[in-house]
C-alpha atoms as a PDB file:
ATOM      1  CA  MET A   1     176.994  22.121 147.813  1.00  0.00           C
ATOM      2  CA  LEU A   2     173.851  20.156 148.266  1.00  0.00           C
ATOM      3  CA  LEU A   3     172.165  18.214 145.621  1.00  0.00           C
ATOM      4  CA  SER A   4     168.485  17.362 146.120  1.00  0.00           C
ATOM      5  CA  ILE A   5     166.964  14.499 144.012  1.00  0.00           C
ATOM      6  CA  ILE A   6     163.139  14.441 143.844  1.00  0.00           C
ATOM      7  CA  ILE A   7     161.589  11.081 142.855  1.00  0.00           C
ATOM      8  CA  PRO A   8     158.031  10.826 142.624  1.00  0.00           C
ATOM      9  CA  VAL A   9     156.750   7.139 143.190  1.00  0.00           C
ATOM     10  CA  TYR A  10     153.376   5.503 142.853  1.00  0.00           C
ATOM     11  CA  ASN A  11     153.448   1.715 143.284  1.00  0.00           C
ATOM     12  CA  GLU A  12     156.924   1.373 142.528  1.00  0.00           C
ATOM     13  CA  ALA A  13     157.967  -1.380 144.834  1.00  0.00           C
ATOM     14  CA  GLU A  14     159.476  -3.545 142.084  1.00  0.00           C
ATOM     15  CA  SER A  15     161.588  -0.717 140.697  1.00  0.00           C
ATOM     16  CA  LEU A  16     162.916   0.666 144.040  1.00  0.00           C
ATOM     17  CA  PRO A  17     165.694  -1.944 144.680  1.00  0.00           C
ATOM     18  CA  ALA A  18     166.971  -1.522 141.154  1.00  0.00           C
ATOM     19  CA  LEU A  19     166.867   2.231 141.301  1.00  0.00           C
ATOM     20  CA  MET A  20     168.785   2.486 144.627  1.00  0.00           C
ATOM     21  CA  ALA A  21     171.446   0.086 143.364  1.00  0.00           C
ATOM     22  CA  ARG A  22     172.140   2.376 140.268  1.00  0.00           C
ATOM     23  CA  LEU A  23     171.600   5.564 142.151  1.00  0.00           C
ATOM     24  CA  ARG A  24     173.775   5.207 145.346  1.00  0.00           C
ATOM     25  CA  PRO A  25     177.074   4.691 143.408  1.00  0.00           C
ATOM     26  CA  ILE A  26     176.574   7.690 141.206  1.00  0.00           C
ATOM     27  CA  VAL A  27     175.552  10.234 143.922  1.00  0.00           C
ATOM     28  CA  GLY A  28     178.238   8.863 146.345  1.00  0.00           C
ATOM     29  CA  GLY A  29     180.794   9.598 143.544  1.00  0.00           C
ATOM     30  CA  LEU A  30     179.828  13.324 143.450  1.00  0.00           C
ATOM     31  CA  ASP A  31     181.825  15.924 144.981  1.00  0.00           C
ATOM     32  CA  CYS A  32     178.851  17.228 146.924  1.00  0.00           C
ATOM     33  CA  ASP A  33     176.316  16.253 149.681  1.00  0.00           C
ATOM     34  CA  TYR A  34     173.004  14.831 148.512  1.00  0.00           C
ATOM     35  CA  GLU A  35     169.483  13.983 149.668  1.00  0.00           C
ATOM     36  CA  LEU A  36     167.079  11.795 148.018  1.00  0.00           C
ATOM     37  CA  ILE A  37     163.433  12.974 148.497  1.00  0.00           C
ATOM     38  CA  PHE A  38     160.923  10.377 147.607  1.00  0.00           C
ATOM     39  CA  VAL A  39     157.293  11.667 147.130  1.00  0.00           C
ATOM     40  CA  ASN A  40     155.012   8.835 147.852  1.00  0.00           C
ATOM     41  CA  ASP A  41     151.911   9.587 145.807  1.00  0.00           C
ATOM     42  CA  GLY A  42     149.262   7.579 147.548  1.00  0.00           C
ATOM     43  CA  SER A  43     150.911   3.986 146.738  1.00  0.00           C
ATOM     44  CA  THR A  44     148.870   1.061 147.495  1.00  0.00           C
ATOM     45  CA  ASP A  45     151.537  -1.514 147.269  1.00  0.00           C
ATOM     46  CA  GLU A  46     154.516  -2.299 149.283  1.00  0.00           C
ATOM     47  CA  THR A  47     156.201   1.133 148.329  1.00  0.00           C
ATOM     48  CA  SER A  48     155.309   2.876 151.626  1.00  0.00           C
ATOM     49  CA  ARG A  49     156.966  -0.016 153.757  1.00  0.00           C
ATOM     50  CA  MET A  50     160.084  -0.089 151.531  1.00  0.00           C
ATOM     51  CA  LEU A  51     160.586   3.767 151.686  1.00  0.00           C
ATOM     52  CA  ARG A  52     160.159   3.755 155.496  1.00  0.00           C
ATOM     53  CA  GLU A  53     162.800   1.070 155.763  1.00  0.00           C
ATOM     54  CA  LEU A  54     165.123   2.909 153.402  1.00  0.00           C
ATOM     55  CA  SER A  55     164.715   6.123 155.540  1.00  0.00           C
ATOM     56  CA  VAL A  56     165.670   4.201 158.779  1.00  0.00           C
ATOM     57  CA  VAL A  57     168.902   2.859 157.208  1.00  0.00           C
ATOM     58  CA  ASP A  58     169.947   5.881 155.289  1.00  0.00           C
ATOM     59  CA  HIS A  59     169.259   9.419 156.638  1.00  0.00           C
ATOM     60  CA  CYS A  60     169.941  10.921 153.174  1.00  0.00           C
ATOM     61  CA  VAL A  61     166.707   9.230 152.099  1.00  0.00           C
ATOM     62  CA  LYS A  62     163.802  11.595 152.966  1.00  0.00           C
ATOM     63  CA  VAL A  63     160.144  10.600 152.266  1.00  0.00           C
ATOM     64  CA  LEU A  64     156.940  12.729 151.798  1.00  0.00           C
ATOM     65  CA  SER A  65     153.844  10.681 151.901  1.00  0.00           C
ATOM     66  CA  PHE A  66     150.572  11.931 150.424  1.00  0.00           C
ATOM     67  CA  SER A  67     147.301  11.321 152.118  1.00  0.00           C
ATOM     68  CA  ARG A  68     145.962  10.019 148.668  1.00  0.00           C
ATOM     69  CA  ASN A  69     146.966  10.035 144.997  1.00  0.00           C
ATOM     70  CA  PHE A  70     147.274  13.633 143.801  1.00  0.00           C
ATOM     71  CA  GLY A  71     149.085  13.119 140.562  1.00  0.00           C
ATOM     72  CA  HIS A  72     152.566  13.077 139.244  1.00  0.00           C
ATOM     73  CA  GLN A  73     152.829  16.777 138.469  1.00  0.00           C
ATOM     74  CA  THR A  74     151.627  17.598 142.063  1.00  0.00           C
ATOM     75  CA  ALA A  75     154.200  15.176 143.450  1.00  0.00           C
ATOM     76  CA  ILE A  76     156.965  17.001 141.746  1.00  0.00           C
ATOM     77  CA  THR A  77     155.565  20.285 143.136  1.00  0.00           C
ATOM     78  CA  ALA A  78     155.779  19.048 146.625  1.00  0.00           C
ATOM     79  CA  GLY A  79     159.235  17.695 146.143  1.00  0.00           C
ATOM     80  CA  LEU A  80     160.321  21.166 144.892  1.00  0.00           C
ATOM     81  CA  ASP A  81     158.621  22.789 148.045  1.00  0.00           C
ATOM     82  CA  PHE A  82     160.796  20.671 150.478  1.00  0.00           C
ATOM     83  CA  ALA A  83     164.001  20.578 148.581  1.00  0.00           C
ATOM     84  CA  ASN A  84     166.844  22.408 150.253  1.00  0.00           C
ATOM     85  CA  GLY A  85     169.498  21.828 147.560  1.00  0.00           C
ATOM     86  CA  ASP A  86     171.719  24.374 145.828  1.00  0.00           C
ATOM     87  CA  ALA A  87     170.730  22.260 142.726  1.00  0.00           C
ATOM     88  CA  THR A  88     167.564  20.014 142.483  1.00  0.00           C
ATOM     89  CA  ALA A  89     166.981  17.031 139.972  1.00  0.00           C
ATOM     90  CA  VAL A  90     163.715  15.582 139.055  1.00  0.00           C
ATOM     91  CA  MET A  91     163.585  11.994 137.938  1.00  0.00           C
ATOM     92  CA  ASP A  92     161.335   9.048 137.782  1.00  0.00           C
ATOM     93  CA  ALA A  93     161.748   5.855 139.606  1.00  0.00           C
ATOM     94  CA  ASP A  94     161.236   3.512 136.645  1.00  0.00           C
ATOM     95  CA  LEU A  95     165.069   3.941 135.521  1.00  0.00           C
ATOM     96  CA  GLN A  96     163.851   5.413 132.066  1.00  0.00           C
ATOM     97  CA  ASP A  97     165.643   8.515 133.316  1.00  0.00           C
ATOM     98  CA  PRO A  98     169.175   7.399 133.682  1.00  0.00           C
ATOM     99  CA  PRO A  99     170.924   8.556 136.861  1.00  0.00           C
ATOM    100  CA  GLU A 100     174.314   8.378 135.056  1.00  0.00           C
ATOM    101  CA  LEU A 101     173.377  11.788 133.411  1.00  0.00           C
ATOM    102  CA  LEU A 102     173.491  13.546 136.732  1.00  0.00           C
ATOM    103  CA  PRO A 103     177.257  14.326 136.883  1.00  0.00           C
ATOM    104  CA  GLU A 104     177.241  15.896 133.367  1.00  0.00           C
ATOM    105  CA  MET A 105     173.952  17.857 134.348  1.00  0.00           C
ATOM    106  CA  LEU A 106     175.828  19.195 137.336  1.00  0.00           C
ATOM    107  CA  ARG A 107     178.769  20.080 135.209  1.00  0.00           C
ATOM    108  CA  LEU A 108     176.721  22.187 132.968  1.00  0.00           C
ATOM    109  CA  MET A 109     174.861  23.763 135.891  1.00  0.00           C
ATOM    110  CA  ARG A 110     178.243  24.943 137.261  1.00  0.00           C
ATOM    111  CA  GLN A 111     178.793  26.744 133.801  1.00  0.00           C
ATOM    112  CA  GLY A 112     175.848  29.034 134.590  1.00  0.00           C
ATOM    113  CA  TYR A 113     172.724  27.277 133.419  1.00  0.00           C
ATOM    114  CA  ASP A 114     169.651  27.511 135.587  1.00  0.00           C
ATOM    115  CA  VAL A 115     167.988  24.493 133.884  1.00  0.00           C
ATOM    116  CA  VAL A 116     169.608  21.392 132.357  1.00  0.00           C
ATOM    117  CA  SER A 117     167.004  19.224 130.496  1.00  0.00           C
ATOM    118  CA  ALA A 118     167.414  15.636 129.257  1.00  0.00           C
ATOM    119  CA  GLN A 119     165.986  15.196 125.744  1.00  0.00           C
ATOM    120  CA  ARG A 120     164.927  11.776 124.588  1.00  0.00           C
ATOM    121  CA  GLN A 121     166.340  10.544 121.293  1.00  0.00           C
ATOM    122  CA  ALA A 122     164.508   7.333 121.012  1.00  0.00           C
ATOM    123  CA  ARG A 123     161.577   5.532 122.922  1.00  0.00           C
ATOM    124  CA  PRO A 124     162.426   1.782 122.675  1.00  0.00           C
ATOM    125  CA  GLY A 125     159.727   0.957 125.351  1.00  0.00           C
ATOM    126  CA  ASP A 126     156.874   2.760 123.855  1.00  0.00           C
ATOM    127  CA  GLY A 127     154.586   1.419 121.043  1.00  0.00           C
ATOM    128  CA  VAL A 128     153.996   3.040 117.714  1.00  0.00           C
ATOM    129  CA  TRP A 129     150.703   4.791 118.844  1.00  0.00           C
ATOM    130  CA  LYS A 130     152.469   6.436 121.879  1.00  0.00           C
ATOM    131  CA  ARG A 131     155.404   7.650 119.730  1.00  0.00           C
ATOM    132  CA  CYS A 132     153.016   9.073 117.172  1.00  0.00           C
ATOM    133  CA  THR A 133     150.828  10.853 119.616  1.00  0.00           C
ATOM    134  CA  ALA A 134     153.727  12.284 121.340  1.00  0.00           C
ATOM    135  CA  SER A 135     155.239  13.608 118.381  1.00  0.00           C
ATOM    136  CA  VAL A 136     151.755  15.204 117.370  1.00  0.00           C
ATOM    137  CA  PHE A 137     151.317  16.725 120.843  1.00  0.00           C
ATOM    138  CA  TYR A 138     154.828  18.408 120.907  1.00  0.00           C
ATOM    139  CA  TRP A 139     154.201  19.851 117.414  1.00  0.00           C
ATOM    140  CA  PHE A 140     150.791  21.135 118.374  1.00  0.00           C
ATOM    141  CA  MET A 141     152.199  22.624 121.620  1.00  0.00           C
ATOM    142  CA  ARG A 142     154.998  24.403 119.753  1.00  0.00           C
ATOM    143  CA  ARG A 143     153.063  25.465 116.957  1.00  0.00           C
ATOM    144  CA  PHE A 144     149.983  26.820 118.533  1.00  0.00           C
ATOM    145  CA  VAL A 145     150.725  27.330 122.244  1.00  0.00           C
ATOM    146  CA  ASP A 146     154.301  28.052 123.029  1.00  0.00           C
ATOM    147  CA  GLN A 147     157.247  27.683 120.769  1.00  0.00           C
ATOM    148  CA  ARG A 148     159.569  27.578 123.744  1.00  0.00           C
ATOM    149  CA  LEU A 149     158.374  24.022 124.724  1.00  0.00           C
ATOM    150  CA  LEU A 150     161.115  21.610 123.694  1.00  0.00           C
ATOM    151  CA  PRO A 151     160.149  18.376 121.854  1.00  0.00           C
ATOM    152  CA  GLU A 152     160.895  15.063 123.664  1.00  0.00           C
ATOM    153  CA  VAL A 153     161.793  16.804 126.807  1.00  0.00           C
ATOM    154  CA  GLY A 154     159.954  15.469 129.920  1.00  0.00           C
ATOM    155  CA  ASP A 155     160.385  15.996 133.628  1.00  0.00           C
ATOM    156  CA  PHE A 156     163.774  14.750 133.900  1.00  0.00           C
ATOM    157  CA  ARG A 157     165.659  18.014 134.708  1.00  0.00           C
ATOM    158  CA  LEU A 158     168.100  19.682 136.954  1.00  0.00           C
ATOM    159  CA  PHE A 159     167.355  23.176 138.346  1.00  0.00           C
ATOM    160  CA  SER A 160     169.422  25.702 140.004  1.00  0.00           C
ATOM    161  CA  ARG A 161     168.239  27.157 143.483  1.00  0.00           C
ATOM    162  CA  THR A 162     167.108  30.273 141.582  1.00  0.00           C
ATOM    163  CA  ALA A 163     165.012  28.204 139.167  1.00  0.00           C
ATOM    164  CA  VAL A 164     163.384  26.333 142.187  1.00  0.00           C
ATOM    165  CA  LEU A 165     162.501  29.457 143.912  1.00  0.00           C
ATOM    166  CA  ALA A 166     160.921  30.858 140.797  1.00  0.00           C
ATOM    167  CA  ILE A 167     158.839  27.697 140.191  1.00  0.00           C
ATOM    168  CA  ARG A 168     157.544  27.662 143.791  1.00  0.00           C
ATOM    169  CA  ARG A 169     155.627  30.930 142.897  1.00  0.00           C
ATOM    170  CA  PHE A 170     153.392  29.097 140.588  1.00  0.00           C
ATOM    171  CA  ARG A 171     150.481  27.738 142.604  1.00  0.00           C
ATOM    172  CA  GLU A 172     147.841  26.970 140.142  1.00  0.00           C
ATOM    173  CA  GLN A 173     145.660  23.836 140.621  1.00  0.00           C
ATOM    174  CA  HIS A 174     146.024  22.334 137.260  1.00  0.00           C
ATOM    175  CA  ARG A 175     149.740  21.973 136.807  1.00  0.00           C
ATOM    176  CA  PHE A 176     151.908  21.287 133.597  1.00  0.00           C
ATOM    177  CA  MET A 177     155.431  21.517 134.852  1.00  0.00           C
ATOM    178  CA  ARG A 178     157.083  21.478 131.359  1.00  0.00           C
ATOM    179  CA  GLY A 179     155.030  24.482 130.301  1.00  0.00           C
ATOM    180  CA  LEU A 180     155.858  26.228 133.498  1.00  0.00           C
ATOM    181  CA  VAL A 181     159.704  25.852 133.016  1.00  0.00           C
ATOM    182  CA  ALA A 182     159.408  26.932 129.357  1.00  0.00           C
ATOM    183  CA  TRP A 183     157.211  29.939 130.330  1.00  0.00           C
ATOM    184  CA  LEU A 184     160.010  31.073 132.854  1.00  0.00           C
ATOM    185  CA  GLY A 185     162.513  31.413 130.002  1.00  0.00           C
ATOM    186  CA  LEU A 186     165.630  30.697 132.134  1.00  0.00           C
ATOM    187  CA  LYS A 187     168.983  29.844 130.604  1.00  0.00           C
ATOM    188  CA  GLU A 188     168.637  26.234 129.720  1.00  0.00           C
ATOM    189  CA  ALA A 189     171.057  23.497 128.438  1.00  0.00           C
ATOM    190  CA  ILE A 190     170.050  20.237 126.571  1.00  0.00           C
ATOM    191  CA  ILE A 191     171.555  16.811 127.010  1.00  0.00           C
ATOM    192  CA  PRO A 192     170.478  14.149 124.483  1.00  0.00           C
ATOM    193  CA  PHE A 193     170.044  10.650 125.787  1.00  0.00           C
ATOM    194  CA  GLN A 194     168.845   7.317 124.730  1.00  0.00           C
ATOM    195  CA  ARG A 195     165.784   6.551 126.808  1.00  0.00           C
ATOM    196  CA  GLU A 196     165.789   2.835 128.272  1.00  0.00           C
ATOM    197  CA  GLU A 197     162.824   0.522 128.601  1.00  0.00           C
ATOM    198  CA  ARG A 198     160.891   0.675 131.871  1.00  0.00           C
ATOM    199  CA  ALA A 199     162.652  -1.507 134.427  1.00  0.00           C
ATOM    200  CA  HIS A 200     159.721  -3.139 136.134  1.00  0.00           C
ATOM    201  CA  GLY A 201     155.939  -2.579 136.357  1.00  0.00           C
ATOM    202  CA  THR A 202     153.703  -0.914 133.979  1.00  0.00           C
ATOM    203  CA  THR A 203     153.422   2.773 133.022  1.00  0.00           C
ATOM    204  CA  LYS A 204     151.577   5.124 135.289  1.00  0.00           C
ATOM    205  CA  TYR A 205     150.395   7.233 132.211  1.00  0.00           C
ATOM    206  CA  PRO A 206     147.858   5.183 130.301  1.00  0.00           C
ATOM    207  CA  LEU A 207     145.986   6.806 127.409  1.00  0.00           C
ATOM    208  CA  PHE A 208     143.450   8.382 129.351  1.00  0.00           C
ATOM    209  CA  LYS A 209     146.018  10.095 131.711  1.00  0.00           C
ATOM    210  CA  MET A 210     147.996  11.215 128.741  1.00  0.00           C
ATOM    211  CA  LEU A 211     144.930  12.843 127.186  1.00  0.00           C
ATOM    212  CA  GLN A 212     144.227  14.561 130.543  1.00  0.00           C
ATOM    213  CA  LEU A 213     147.756  15.904 130.761  1.00  0.00           C
ATOM    214  CA  ALA A 214     147.625  17.100 127.192  1.00  0.00           C
ATOM    215  CA  TRP A 215     144.321  19.006 127.769  1.00  0.00           C
ATOM    216  CA  THR A 216     145.653  20.513 130.960  1.00  0.00           C
ATOM    217  CA  ALA A 217     148.806  21.605 128.844  1.00  0.00           C
ATOM    218  CA  VAL A 218     146.707  23.257 126.181  1.00  0.00           C
ATOM    219  CA  SER A 219     144.055  24.805 128.497  1.00  0.00           C
ATOM    220  CA  SER A 220     146.563  26.056 131.124  1.00  0.00           C
ATOM    221  CA  PHE A 221     148.631  27.974 128.766  1.00  0.00           C
ATOM    222  CA  SER A 222     146.324  28.956 125.890  1.00  0.00           C
ATOM    223  CA  ALA A 223     142.845  30.140 125.030  1.00  0.00           C
ATOM    224  CA  LEU A 224     143.174  28.387 121.721  1.00  0.00           C
ATOM    225  CA  PRO A 225     140.338  26.034 122.165  1.00  0.00           C
ATOM    226  CA  LEU A 226     138.118  28.982 122.716  1.00  0.00           C
ATOM    227  CA  ARG A 227     139.351  30.739 119.545  1.00  0.00           C
ATOM    228  CA  LEU A 228     138.880  27.592 117.675  1.00  0.00           C
ATOM    229  CA  SER A 229     135.334  27.397 118.635  1.00  0.00           C
ATOM    230  CA  THR A 230     134.847  30.881 117.661  1.00  0.00           C
ATOM    231  CA  ASN A 231     136.288  30.232 114.269  1.00  0.00           C
ATOM    232  CA  LEU A 232     134.321  27.044 113.850  1.00  0.00           C
ATOM    233  CA  GLY A 233     131.089  28.943 114.700  1.00  0.00           C
ATOM    234  CA  PHE A 234     131.924  31.649 112.110  1.00  0.00           C
ATOM    235  CA  ALA A 235     132.700  29.113 109.384  1.00  0.00           C
ATOM    236  CA  ILE A 236     129.167  27.281 110.205  1.00  0.00           C
ATOM    237  CA  ILE A 237     127.326  30.687 109.932  1.00  0.00           C
ATOM    238  CA  LEU A 238     129.075  31.307 106.486  1.00  0.00           C
ATOM    239  CA  PHE A 239     127.968  27.858 105.513  1.00  0.00           C
ATOM    240  CA  GLY A 240     124.483  28.464 106.674  1.00  0.00           C
ATOM    241  CA  ILE A 241     124.304  31.803 104.808  1.00  0.00           C
ATOM    242  CA  GLY A 242     125.417  30.135 101.660  1.00  0.00           C
ATOM    243  CA  TYR A 243     122.937  27.297 102.057  1.00  0.00           C
ATOM    244  CA  LEU A 244     120.250  30.045 102.491  1.00  0.00           C
ATOM    245  CA  VAL A 245     121.237  31.686  99.152  1.00  0.00           C
ATOM    246  CA  PHE A 246     121.320  28.227  97.466  1.00  0.00           C
ATOM    247  CA  SER A 247     117.789  27.436  98.706  1.00  0.00           C
ATOM    248  CA  ILE A 248     116.191  30.863  97.500  1.00  0.00           C
ATOM    249  CA  PHE A 249     117.898  30.578  94.278  1.00  0.00           C
ATOM    250  CA  SER A 250     116.459  26.861  93.972  1.00  0.00           C
ATOM    251  CA  ALA A 251     112.935  28.017  95.031  1.00  0.00           C
ATOM    252  CA  LEU A 252     112.819  31.237  92.783  1.00  0.00           C
ATOM    253  CA  ILE A 253     114.995  30.600  89.734  1.00  0.00           C
ATOM    254  CA  THR A 254     115.167  26.854  89.081  1.00  0.00           C
ATOM    255  CA  LYS A 255     111.662  26.228  90.670  1.00  0.00           C
ATOM    256  CA  THR A 256     113.053  23.025  92.163  1.00  0.00           C
ATOM    257  CA  THR A 257     111.090  21.543  95.092  1.00  0.00           C
ATOM    258  CA  ILE A 258     113.223  21.419  98.197  1.00  0.00           C
ATOM    259  CA  GLN A 259     112.774  18.449 100.507  1.00  0.00           C
ATOM    260  CA  GLY A 260     112.507  20.570 103.595  1.00  0.00           C
ATOM    261  CA  TRP A 261     112.735  18.139 106.475  1.00  0.00           C
ATOM    262  CA  THR A 262     116.088  16.507 105.418  1.00  0.00           C
ATOM    263  CA  SER A 263     117.851  19.936 105.085  1.00  0.00           C
ATOM    264  CA  LEU A 264     116.398  21.018 108.341  1.00  0.00           C
ATOM    265  CA  VAL A 265     117.555  18.040 110.281  1.00  0.00           C
ATOM    266  CA  CYS A 266     121.035  18.159 108.860  1.00  0.00           C
ATOM    267  CA  LEU A 267     121.499  21.762 109.681  1.00  0.00           C
ATOM    268  CA  GLN A 268     119.979  21.368 112.955  1.00  0.00           C
ATOM    269  CA  ILE A 269     122.448  18.592 113.901  1.00  0.00           C
ATOM    270  CA  ILE A 270     125.453  20.693 112.614  1.00  0.00           C
ATOM    271  CA  PHE A 271     124.379  23.939 114.405  1.00  0.00           C
ATOM    272  CA  SER A 272     123.533  22.032 117.625  1.00  0.00           C
ATOM    273  CA  GLY A 273     126.871  20.293 117.809  1.00  0.00           C
ATOM    274  CA  ALA A 274     128.719  23.387 117.068  1.00  0.00           C
ATOM    275  CA  ILE A 275     126.759  25.169 119.901  1.00  0.00           C
ATOM    276  CA  LEU A 276     127.235  22.357 122.338  1.00  0.00           C
ATOM    277  CA  MET A 277     130.890  22.180 121.660  1.00  0.00           C
ATOM    278  CA  ALA A 278     131.347  25.871 122.206  1.00  0.00           C
ATOM    279  CA  VAL A 279     129.367  25.910 125.465  1.00  0.00           C
ATOM    280  CA  GLY A 280     131.418  22.880 126.668  1.00  0.00           C
ATOM    281  CA  LEU A 281     134.699  24.607 125.987  1.00  0.00           C
ATOM    282  CA  VAL A 282     133.626  27.675 127.870  1.00  0.00           C
ATOM    283  CA  GLY A 283     132.296  25.621 130.591  1.00  0.00           C
ATOM    284  CA  ASN A 284     135.606  24.001 130.997  1.00  0.00           C
ATOM    285  CA  TYR A 285     137.467  27.267 131.491  1.00  0.00           C
ATOM    286  CA  VAL A 286     134.684  28.468 133.796  1.00  0.00           C
ATOM    287  CA  ALA A 287     135.109  25.260 135.928  1.00  0.00           C
ATOM    288  CA  ARG A 288     138.842  25.844 136.029  1.00  0.00           C
ATOM    289  CA  ILE A 289     138.158  29.410 137.346  1.00  0.00           C
ATOM    290  CA  TYR A 290     135.879  27.980 139.908  1.00  0.00           C
ATOM    291  CA  GLU A 291     138.414  25.382 141.192  1.00  0.00           C
ATOM    292  CA  GLU A 292     141.046  28.049 141.460  1.00  0.00           C
ATOM    293  CA  SER A 293     138.857  30.574 143.253  1.00  0.00           C
ATOM    294  CA  LYS A 294     138.301  28.030 146.041  1.00  0.00           C
ATOM    295  CA  GLN A 295     142.038  28.114 146.811  1.00  0.00           C
ATOM    296  CA  ARG A 296     142.166  24.479 148.009  1.00  0.00           C
ATOM    297  CA  PRO A 297     145.436  22.927 148.894  1.00  0.00           C
ATOM    298  CA  LEU A 298     147.436  21.332 145.919  1.00  0.00           C
ATOM    299  CA  TYR A 299     148.408  18.437 148.215  1.00  0.00           C
ATOM    300  CA  VAL A 300     148.072  16.974 151.755  1.00  0.00           C
ATOM    301  CA  VAL A 301     151.162  15.340 153.334  1.00  0.00           C
ATOM    302  CA  SER A 302     150.303  12.758 155.861  1.00  0.00           C
ATOM    303  CA  ASP A 303     153.711  11.583 156.836  1.00  0.00           C
ATOM    304  CA  LEU A 304     157.372  12.783 156.919  1.00  0.00           C
ATOM    305  CA  GLN A 305     160.550  10.615 157.266  1.00  0.00           C
ATOM    306  CA  ASN A 306     163.975  12.412 157.838  1.00  0.00           C
ATOM    307  CA  LEU A 307     162.277  15.841 157.123  1.00  0.00           C
ATOM    308  CA  PRO A 308     161.452  18.451 159.842  1.00  0.00           C
ATOM    309  CA  MET A 309     158.012  19.683 160.274  1.00  0.00           C
ATOM    310  CA  PRO A 310     157.872  22.962 158.444  1.00  0.00           C
ATOM    311  CA  VAL A 311     157.156  26.022 160.859  1.00  0.00           C
ATOM    312  CA  ALA A 312     155.249  27.751 158.071  1.00  0.00           C
ATOM    313  CA  GLY A 313     153.735  25.206 155.566  1.00  0.00           C
ATOM    314  CA  PRO A 314     154.271  25.558 151.838  1.00  0.00           C
ATOM    315  CA  GLU A 315     151.729  27.786 150.229  1.00  0.00           C
ATOM    316  CA  ARG A 316     148.610  25.879 149.178  1.00  0.00           C
ATOM    317  CA  GLY A 317     150.142  22.776 150.830  1.00  0.00           C
ATOM    318  CA  VAL A 318     149.027  20.997 154.027  1.00  0.00           C
ATOM    319  CA  VAL A 319     151.372  18.978 156.165  1.00  0.00           C
ATOM    320  CA  LEU A 320     149.391  17.097 158.947  1.00  0.00           C
ATOM    321  CA  GLU A 321     150.837  17.071 162.431  1.00  0.00           C
ATOM    322  CA  PRO A 322     151.986  13.592 163.544  1.00  0.00           C
ATOM    323  CA  SER A 323     149.342  11.827 165.516  1.00  0.00           C
ATOM    324  CA  VAL A 324     150.076  11.267 169.243  1.00  0.00           C
ATOM    325  CA  PRO A 325     149.959   7.535 170.086  1.00  0.00           C
ATOM    326  CA  VAL A 326     146.924   6.777 172.285  1.00  0.00           C
ATOM    327  CA  GLU A 327     147.803   4.506 175.262  1.00  0.00           C
ATOM    328  CA  PRO A 328     145.619   1.461 175.615  1.00  0.00           C
ATOM    329  CA  ALA A 329     143.003   1.738 178.130  1.00  0.00           C
ATOM    330  CA  VAL A 330     143.594  -0.151 181.393  1.00  0.00           C
ATOM    331  CA  ASP A 331     140.895  -1.297 183.667  1.00  0.00           C
ATOM    332  CA  HIS A 332     141.134   0.261 187.106  1.00  0.00           C
ATOM    333  CA  PRO A 333     138.958  -0.512 190.084  1.00  0.00           C
ATOM    334  CA  SER A 334     136.334   2.257 190.372  1.00  0.00           C
ATOM    335  CA  PRO A 335     136.819   4.395 193.494  1.00  0.00           C
ATOM    336  CA  VAL A 336     133.044   4.984 193.573  1.00  0.00           C
ATOM    337  CA  ARG A 337     130.813   2.515 195.392  1.00  0.00           C
ATOM    338  CA  VAL A 338     127.399   1.875 194.040  1.00  0.00           C
ATOM    339  CA  ARG A 339     124.608   1.210 196.533  1.00  0.00           C
ATOM    340  CA  ARG A 340     122.432  -1.593 195.414  1.00  0.00           C
END
């Protein structure tokens, strides 16, 4: 049995030594072979050099290097494309996903589960704002988008070969891996764990990226924003009709003088805002359709270590051929004589 462990990294030079120190004894004690697939997502620090050195010392360490930063979800996708294991784990490099759970996850998979997910029971390293927004996000997704999406379950998972082959079939540009796994509906086991604080460095998911991920999750799996804009427009129409009746009643029955310009400005602002919001939501979905229609690659791999060059590249994935070293130019005496 071969276990593939996919670890996306982006500027994780400080965390790599601690990660390898904890991970190696655990995978070495498993009764199976293993490969560690690091997906270098365009790191700009010493991560690339450290991964290259690790791959030279240990041939079980395999490295995919992107040409630029393509994002965490795309890095997971690339790792799954190149994983050869009978079981494949996905975990982060910051040690908030404890590698000590891997033996228990493998035990559950051998019992017949296709997906084994780790569910966070606490967030000691996160602030109050992040904990609250995460709770609201999962409640909203389960209530309005997909009730199969489990709360407090991130990307720390173990997949069977069947699950990996199924996930590879999803090639959309805007990716939310948790939603894809929930959509498949495979047999899943849950392991609760206490999440640790980040070992080193800072989070790679600040507020803006978290909002981007949330919007990708909602818009990729539901037309709810469009339905909400329709309902909002209908509610504003009802409000406008009610205000029209009130204006006619005031003019004909009570003979009250209406200050027209204030009312018109307020109504114009309300209706204009509602129309622009609806158009913006429609435009966002149209933009996603446009991006999908171009069928651009999901990622570009510029370098491989301890991984063979694929004969047929992954679908919507580009693997660049290794460059041929150019010999330095040497000055040779010219055989042609120039007559002066």
